[in-house]
Protein backbone atom coordinates (compact mmCIF):
# COMPACT_ATOMS: atom_id res chain seq x y z
CA MET A 1 37.59 -11.16 9.44
CA ASP A 2 36.75 -12.23 12.98
CA HIS A 3 34.24 -14.98 13.84
CA PHE A 4 31.49 -12.56 14.96
CA THR A 5 31.65 -10.56 11.71
CA GLU A 6 31.58 -13.79 9.72
CA LEU A 7 28.44 -14.99 11.53
CA LEU A 8 26.86 -11.57 11.08
CA MET A 9 27.56 -11.64 7.34
CA GLN A 10 26.07 -15.13 7.04
CA GLN A 11 22.94 -14.08 8.92
CA ALA A 12 22.61 -10.95 6.76
CA GLU A 13 22.89 -13.06 3.60
CA VAL A 14 20.13 -15.39 4.83
CA ILE A 15 17.86 -12.44 5.64
CA VAL A 16 18.46 -10.73 2.30
CA LYS A 17 17.91 -14.00 0.43
CA ASN A 18 14.58 -14.54 2.25
CA VAL A 19 13.44 -10.99 1.59
CA LEU A 20 14.22 -11.28 -2.11
CA GLN A 21 12.44 -14.65 -2.38
CA ASN A 22 9.37 -13.28 -0.60
CA ALA A 23 9.31 -10.18 -2.81
CA LYS A 24 9.63 -12.32 -5.93
CA ARG A 25 6.82 -14.62 -4.75
CA TYR A 26 4.63 -11.61 -3.92
CA LEU A 27 5.14 -10.07 -7.37
CA GLN A 28 4.45 -13.41 -9.08
CA ASP A 29 1.21 -13.76 -7.09
CA LEU A 30 0.19 -10.24 -8.13
CA LEU A 31 0.83 -11.06 -11.79
CA VAL A 32 -1.24 -14.24 -11.51
CA GLU A 33 -4.12 -12.29 -9.90
CA GLU A 34 -3.97 -9.62 -12.61
CA GLU A 35 -3.99 -12.27 -15.35
CA LYS A 36 -7.08 -13.82 -13.77
CA GLY A 37 -8.75 -10.43 -14.09
CA HIS A 38 -9.34 -9.80 -10.39
CA PHE A 39 -7.83 -6.33 -10.64
CA LYS A 40 -9.01 -3.55 -12.85
CA ILE A 41 -7.20 -0.33 -13.59
CA GLY A 42 -9.74 2.48 -13.56
CA ASN A 43 -9.80 5.46 -15.87
CA ILE A 44 -12.24 7.99 -17.25
CA GLN A 45 -12.66 9.96 -20.45
CA TRP A 46 -10.65 13.11 -19.81
CA ILE A 47 -11.83 16.46 -21.16
CA ALA A 48 -10.34 18.19 -24.21
CA CYS A 49 -7.81 20.96 -23.57
CA LYS A 50 -10.13 23.60 -25.06
CA ASP A 51 -12.92 22.78 -22.58
CA PHE A 52 -10.78 22.75 -19.44
CA THR A 53 -11.62 24.90 -16.43
CA VAL A 54 -10.37 24.56 -12.86
CA ALA A 55 -13.83 23.42 -11.70
CA ILE A 56 -14.14 20.81 -14.46
CA GLY A 57 -10.63 19.57 -13.62
CA ALA A 58 -11.66 19.08 -9.99
CA LYS A 59 -14.85 17.30 -11.05
CA GLN A 60 -12.88 14.97 -13.32
CA ILE A 61 -10.38 14.15 -10.57
CA GLU A 62 -13.29 13.26 -8.26
CA GLU A 63 -14.77 11.11 -11.03
CA TYR A 64 -11.42 9.36 -11.53
CA ILE A 65 -10.97 8.76 -7.78
CA SER A 66 -14.39 7.10 -7.74
CA THR A 67 -12.89 4.33 -9.95
CA TRP A 68 -10.39 3.46 -7.19
CA GLU A 69 -11.04 0.60 -4.81
CA PHE A 70 -10.86 1.67 -1.16
CA SER A 71 -12.93 1.09 1.96
CA ASN A 72 -15.77 3.41 2.96
CA CYS A 73 -13.96 4.62 6.08
CA TRP A 74 -11.76 6.96 4.01
CA LEU A 75 -12.79 10.59 3.52
CA HIS A 76 -11.05 12.99 1.21
CA CYS A 77 -11.12 16.63 0.20
CA LEU A 78 -9.86 18.15 -3.01
CA ASP A 79 -8.10 21.53 -3.22
CA TYR A 80 -6.89 23.47 -6.22
CA LEU A 81 -3.35 24.67 -5.49
CA LYS A 82 -2.01 26.68 -8.43
CA ALA A 83 -1.46 27.05 -12.15
CA GLU A 84 2.10 26.83 -13.42
CA GLU A 85 2.94 28.36 -16.80
CA LEU A 86 5.67 26.47 -18.66
CA GLU A 87 7.07 26.90 -22.16
CA TYR A 88 4.90 24.25 -23.85
CA HIS A 89 2.33 23.45 -21.16
CA ILE A 90 0.22 24.85 -18.39
CA HIS A 91 0.15 22.66 -15.28
CA HIS A 92 -2.81 22.86 -12.94
CA HIS A 93 -1.97 21.44 -9.50
CA TYR A 94 -4.53 19.82 -7.19
CA ARG A 95 -4.19 18.12 -3.81
CA VAL A 96 -6.42 15.37 -2.43
CA ARG A 97 -6.08 14.89 1.34
CA TRP A 98 -7.15 11.55 2.79
CA SER A 99 -8.03 10.65 6.37
CA ILE A 100 -9.98 8.16 8.44
CA PRO A 101 -12.00 10.08 11.03
CA THR A 102 -13.86 8.06 13.66
CA ARG A 103 -16.43 8.88 16.32
CA ARG A 104 -13.77 8.74 19.01
CA LYS A 105 -11.27 10.75 16.96
CA PRO A 106 -13.11 12.98 14.49
CA ILE A 107 -9.93 14.97 13.90
CA PRO A 108 -7.39 12.53 12.46
CA ARG A 109 -3.85 12.36 13.83
CA ALA A 110 -2.41 12.34 10.31
CA THR A 111 -3.49 12.68 6.69
CA ALA A 112 -2.12 11.39 3.41
CA SER A 113 -2.00 13.51 0.27
CA THR A 114 -2.23 12.69 -3.41
CA TYR A 115 -1.12 15.40 -5.83
CA PHE A 116 -2.64 15.65 -9.31
CA ILE A 117 -1.25 17.60 -12.25
CA ILE A 118 -3.52 18.33 -15.18
CA GLU A 119 -1.42 19.38 -18.15
CA ILE A 120 -2.82 21.62 -20.88
CA SER A 121 -0.66 21.57 -23.99
CA LYS A 122 0.14 24.82 -25.80
CA VAL A 123 1.39 23.01 -28.90
CA LYS A 124 -1.00 20.09 -29.45
CA PRO A 125 -4.39 20.68 -31.06
CA LEU A 126 -6.93 21.89 -28.48
CA VAL A 127 -9.24 18.94 -29.22
CA PHE A 128 -6.71 16.54 -27.65
CA PRO A 129 -7.50 15.44 -24.10
CA VAL A 130 -5.59 16.85 -21.13
CA GLU A 131 -2.68 14.85 -19.77
CA VAL A 132 -3.02 13.81 -16.13
CA TYR A 133 -0.37 12.69 -13.67
CA PHE A 134 -0.56 11.99 -9.98
CA PHE A 135 1.78 11.02 -7.17
CA PHE A 136 1.60 10.35 -3.47
CA GLU A 137 3.40 12.57 -0.98
CA SER A 138 6.95 11.50 -0.18
CA ASN A 139 7.05 9.43 -3.40
CA ARG A 140 8.64 10.38 -6.68
CA LEU A 141 6.85 7.84 -8.85
CA LEU A 142 4.47 9.55 -11.29
CA HIS A 143 1.31 7.58 -12.01
CA ARG A 144 -0.94 8.03 -15.02
CA PRO A 145 -4.64 7.20 -15.00
CA GLY A 146 -5.29 3.92 -16.76
CA GLU A 147 -1.70 2.73 -16.35
CA SER A 148 -1.36 1.95 -12.65
CA ARG A 149 -3.78 0.47 -10.15
CA PHE A 150 -4.46 2.39 -6.95
CA ARG A 151 -3.69 0.56 -3.72
CA GLU A 152 -5.26 1.61 -0.43
CA LYS A 153 -2.10 0.38 1.30
CA TRP A 154 -0.21 3.40 -0.05
CA LEU A 155 -2.44 5.74 1.97
CA LYS A 156 -2.26 3.56 5.07
CA ASP A 157 1.54 3.44 4.87
CA LEU A 158 1.77 7.23 4.62
CA ILE A 159 -0.45 7.77 7.65
CA GLU A 160 1.29 5.07 9.70
CA SER A 161 4.73 6.51 8.97
CA LYS A 162 3.58 9.99 10.02
CA ILE A 163 2.11 8.66 13.27
CA LEU A 164 5.32 6.74 14.00
CA LEU A 165 7.36 9.87 13.38
CA MET A 166 5.13 11.95 15.68
CA GLU A 167 5.52 9.35 18.44
CA GLN A 168 9.30 9.66 18.20
CA VAL A 169 9.30 13.44 18.58
CA THR A 170 9.12 14.64 22.16
CA PHE A 171 8.72 18.23 23.21
């Protein structure tokens, strides 16, 4: 290995080590904050499968979103997308689009979407509540209400990455 490659490898090791230490410190700080009770994970009482309608599902998603902590500058709209019939479930798909319109730019340059799936079981008793899952566009991680805490940063990151991509594309 030549001298330049050796120096490059050493520098890369230092950078990776610092990144891992910072990530570990960040996660430890988050755990400490959660233990102190500064964060709450919101949830609502979800409707029983027998009482579900598309309109009630939308109302419940809005109610659940109201438990999230985000600044007042965000606006969102909720759309019902489709129903998907599966062997043991029916999935109802919704999309929530987020943006930050301003007086100078009432039409936002980019939006961020959250997708909700309300699952109606065909095999469980109809008095059981619906199952709800949600995920953010371009992410595979499925969240469940009451199990993960919403972070406004996720929306900001989505919008920033779209704006950066648009700046790179020239016509």
